[in-house]
Amino acid sequence: MTRWGTTAGALLGAFVLQVMIAPHISLFGVTPNLLLLVVITLAFVEGSPAGATAGFIAGLLMDLLSSGPIGAWALVMSVTGYLSGSLRQNLFAEGWLAPVTVGVVAALVADFAYLVVVTVIGVGPTAFWQALGRLVLPRALYNAVLVMLVYPWLARFLRTDRSIKSFGRLA
């Protein structure tokens, strides 16, 4: 399978899981953003251009699922994918700690950026700080926990170099 086939399969799988499974695993009314996890992992494994492209596609898919404006998630996810991929090139840490840290920060920044975008457009919640405390921070925490659980397996699936034998160096 080619790199684009693997990427498309991961995005399509995350989209299906986002629609079918994520609403059922919500905690306290907060659902995880599984497409964001794929974008962050792909960006960290493949780099900035692939992260931005996958982020744009995943963002459009998220826009189809949400009741917000079309293009808001596409903008946020493409920037998040690009920045996550550029952090990969600038970090020198080995193993899983650096990607998980980037995933935690990217999950927080992406949800906060989406809240800012919809608030600036005028379709967001009227109580910005209340939405930040009730929606953004819990969702970022939920996504952070999922990044720690999902990243090693997803990174192994998305790598084009299949010759690695352990989780010692994934990205």
Protein backbone atom coordinates (compact mmCIF):
# COMPACT_ATOMS: atom_id res chain seq x y z
CA MET A 1 0.00 0.00 0.00
CA THR A 2 1.33 3.44 -0.86
CA ARG A 3 1.85 6.28 1.57
CA TRP A 4 -1.25 8.11 0.31
CA GLY A 5 -3.30 4.94 0.51
CA THR A 6 -2.27 4.41 4.10
CA THR A 7 -2.99 8.05 4.94
CA ALA A 8 -6.39 7.95 3.25
CA GLY A 9 -7.21 4.72 5.05
CA ALA A 10 -6.25 6.18 8.42
CA LEU A 11 -8.29 9.34 7.81
CA LEU A 12 -11.29 7.38 6.56
CA GLY A 13 -11.06 4.99 9.50
CA ALA A 14 -10.84 7.89 11.95
CA PHE A 15 -13.82 9.56 10.28
CA VAL A 16 -15.91 6.41 10.58
CA LEU A 17 -14.87 5.99 14.21
CA GLN A 18 -15.64 9.67 14.86
CA VAL A 19 -19.16 9.19 13.54
CA MET A 20 -19.92 5.76 14.96
CA ILE A 21 -17.86 5.30 18.12
CA ALA A 22 -16.85 8.72 19.50
CA PRO A 23 -20.36 9.75 20.60
CA HIS A 24 -20.60 6.57 22.64
CA ILE A 25 -17.28 7.05 24.43
CA SER A 26 -17.94 10.63 25.47
CA LEU A 27 -17.07 11.54 29.03
CA PHE A 28 -19.11 14.26 30.74
CA GLY A 29 -20.48 15.37 27.37
CA VAL A 30 -17.04 15.68 25.75
CA THR A 31 -16.27 13.60 22.68
CA PRO A 32 -12.71 13.01 21.48
CA ASN A 33 -11.47 14.34 18.15
CA LEU A 34 -10.11 11.18 16.56
CA LEU A 35 -9.31 12.89 13.28
CA LEU A 36 -7.04 15.29 15.14
CA LEU A 37 -5.12 12.35 16.59
CA VAL A 38 -4.49 10.98 13.10
CA VAL A 39 -3.38 14.39 11.80
CA ILE A 40 -0.96 14.95 14.68
CA THR A 41 0.51 11.47 14.34
CA LEU A 42 0.82 11.73 10.57
CA ALA A 43 2.44 15.15 10.81
CA PHE A 44 4.96 13.88 13.33
CA VAL A 45 5.77 10.80 11.25
CA GLU A 46 5.78 12.31 7.74
CA GLY A 47 6.47 16.02 8.23
CA SER A 48 4.83 19.40 7.71
CA PRO A 49 3.48 19.15 4.13
CA ALA A 50 1.78 15.81 4.76
CA GLY A 51 0.45 17.07 8.10
CA ALA A 52 -1.02 20.20 6.54
CA THR A 53 -2.63 18.28 3.69
CA ALA A 54 -4.08 15.62 5.97
CA GLY A 55 -5.17 18.36 8.37
CA PHE A 56 -7.06 20.18 5.65
CA ILE A 57 -8.85 17.01 4.53
CA ALA A 58 -9.61 15.95 8.10
CA GLY A 59 -10.79 19.48 8.89
CA LEU A 60 -13.24 19.41 6.00
CA LEU A 61 -14.53 16.09 7.26
CA MET A 62 -14.93 17.58 10.76
CA ASP A 63 -16.75 20.57 9.25
CA LEU A 64 -19.23 18.16 7.70
CA LEU A 65 -19.86 16.65 11.14
CA SER A 66 -20.13 19.89 13.09
CA SER A 67 -22.76 22.59 13.05
CA GLY A 68 -20.11 25.31 12.76
CA PRO A 69 -19.05 27.18 9.65
CA ILE A 70 -17.52 25.24 6.78
CA GLY A 71 -13.78 25.78 6.69
CA ALA A 72 -13.15 26.60 10.34
CA TRP A 73 -11.94 23.11 11.25
CA ALA A 74 -10.11 22.87 7.92
CA LEU A 75 -8.12 26.00 8.76
CA VAL A 76 -7.37 24.94 12.33
CA MET A 77 -6.44 21.35 11.49
CA SER A 78 -4.21 22.27 8.54
CA VAL A 79 -2.28 24.78 10.68
CA THR A 80 -2.09 22.25 13.51
CA GLY A 81 -0.81 19.56 11.14
CA TYR A 82 1.79 21.90 9.68
CA LEU A 83 3.04 23.09 13.07
CA SER A 84 3.14 19.55 14.48
CA GLY A 85 5.19 18.43 11.50
CA SER A 86 7.58 21.35 11.83
CA LEU A 87 8.10 20.52 15.50
CA ARG A 88 9.16 17.03 14.46
CA GLN A 89 11.99 18.50 12.42
CA ASN A 90 13.14 20.75 15.27
CA LEU A 91 13.02 18.26 18.15
CA PHE A 92 15.94 15.99 18.79
CA ALA A 93 14.33 13.69 21.36
CA GLU A 94 14.01 10.01 20.65
CA GLY A 95 11.23 7.64 21.61
CA TRP A 96 7.62 8.39 22.41
CA LEU A 97 7.86 11.33 24.85
CA ALA A 98 8.37 14.10 22.28
CA PRO A 99 5.48 13.03 19.99
CA VAL A 100 3.12 12.62 22.92
CA THR A 101 4.08 16.05 24.26
CA VAL A 102 3.48 17.57 20.83
CA GLY A 103 0.14 15.74 20.68
CA VAL A 104 -0.96 17.08 24.05
CA VAL A 105 -0.03 20.66 23.15
CA ALA A 106 -1.50 20.37 19.65
CA ALA A 107 -4.81 19.04 21.00
CA LEU A 108 -5.07 21.98 23.38
CA VAL A 109 -4.06 24.56 20.78
CA ALA A 110 -6.36 23.14 18.08
CA ASP A 111 -9.48 23.22 20.24
CA PHE A 112 -8.60 26.69 21.55
CA ALA A 113 -7.94 27.96 18.01
CA TYR A 114 -11.29 26.60 16.82
CA LEU A 115 -13.05 28.37 19.67
CA VAL A 116 -11.27 31.62 18.75
CA VAL A 117 -12.13 31.24 15.04
CA VAL A 118 -15.83 30.64 15.60
CA THR A 119 -15.97 33.43 18.18
CA VAL A 120 -14.32 35.89 15.78
CA ILE A 121 -16.67 34.87 12.98
CA GLY A 122 -19.58 35.44 15.33
CA VAL A 123 -21.08 31.97 15.42
CA GLY A 124 -19.33 30.74 18.56
CA PRO A 125 -20.63 30.60 22.08
CA THR A 126 -21.39 33.91 23.72
CA ALA A 127 -19.59 32.96 26.95
CA PHE A 128 -16.02 32.48 25.69
CA TRP A 129 -14.44 31.67 29.06
CA GLN A 130 -17.24 29.34 30.02
CA ALA A 131 -16.85 27.44 26.74
CA LEU A 132 -13.10 27.33 27.30
CA GLY A 133 -13.55 25.73 30.72
CA ARG A 134 -16.42 23.41 29.84
CA LEU A 135 -15.51 22.28 26.33
CA VAL A 136 -11.98 23.08 25.24
CA LEU A 137 -9.94 22.07 28.28
CA PRO A 138 -11.77 18.77 28.96
CA ARG A 139 -11.64 17.82 25.27
CA ALA A 140 -7.94 18.64 25.08
CA LEU A 141 -7.33 16.52 28.19
CA TYR A 142 -9.34 13.66 26.69
CA ASN A 143 -7.42 13.90 23.41
CA ALA A 144 -4.14 14.06 25.34
CA VAL A 145 -4.90 10.77 27.07
CA LEU A 146 -5.89 9.20 23.75
CA VAL A 147 -2.69 10.46 22.08
CA MET A 148 -0.65 8.65 24.72
CA LEU A 149 -2.58 5.43 24.07
CA VAL A 150 -2.94 5.61 20.29
CA TYR A 151 0.28 7.25 19.06
CA PRO A 152 2.64 4.23 19.17
CA TRP A 153 0.24 2.00 17.24
CA LEU A 154 -0.90 4.64 14.77
CA ALA A 155 2.65 5.82 14.10
CA ARG A 156 3.70 2.28 13.35
CA PHE A 157 0.79 1.93 10.91
CA LEU A 158 1.49 5.24 9.17
CA ARG A 159 5.25 4.81 8.78
CA THR A 160 6.39 4.19 5.24
CA ASP A 161 9.56 2.47 6.51
CA ARG A 162 8.25 -0.87 7.76
CA SER A 163 11.65 -2.23 8.79
CA ILE A 164 11.54 -1.13 12.44
CA LYS A 165 11.26 -3.89 14.99
CA SER A 166 10.47 -2.02 18.22
CA PHE A 167 8.88 1.13 19.59
CA GLY A 168 12.28 2.57 20.49
CA ARG A 169 12.28 5.04 17.62
CA LEU A 170 8.96 5.73 15.93
CA ALA A 171 9.31 9.23 14.59
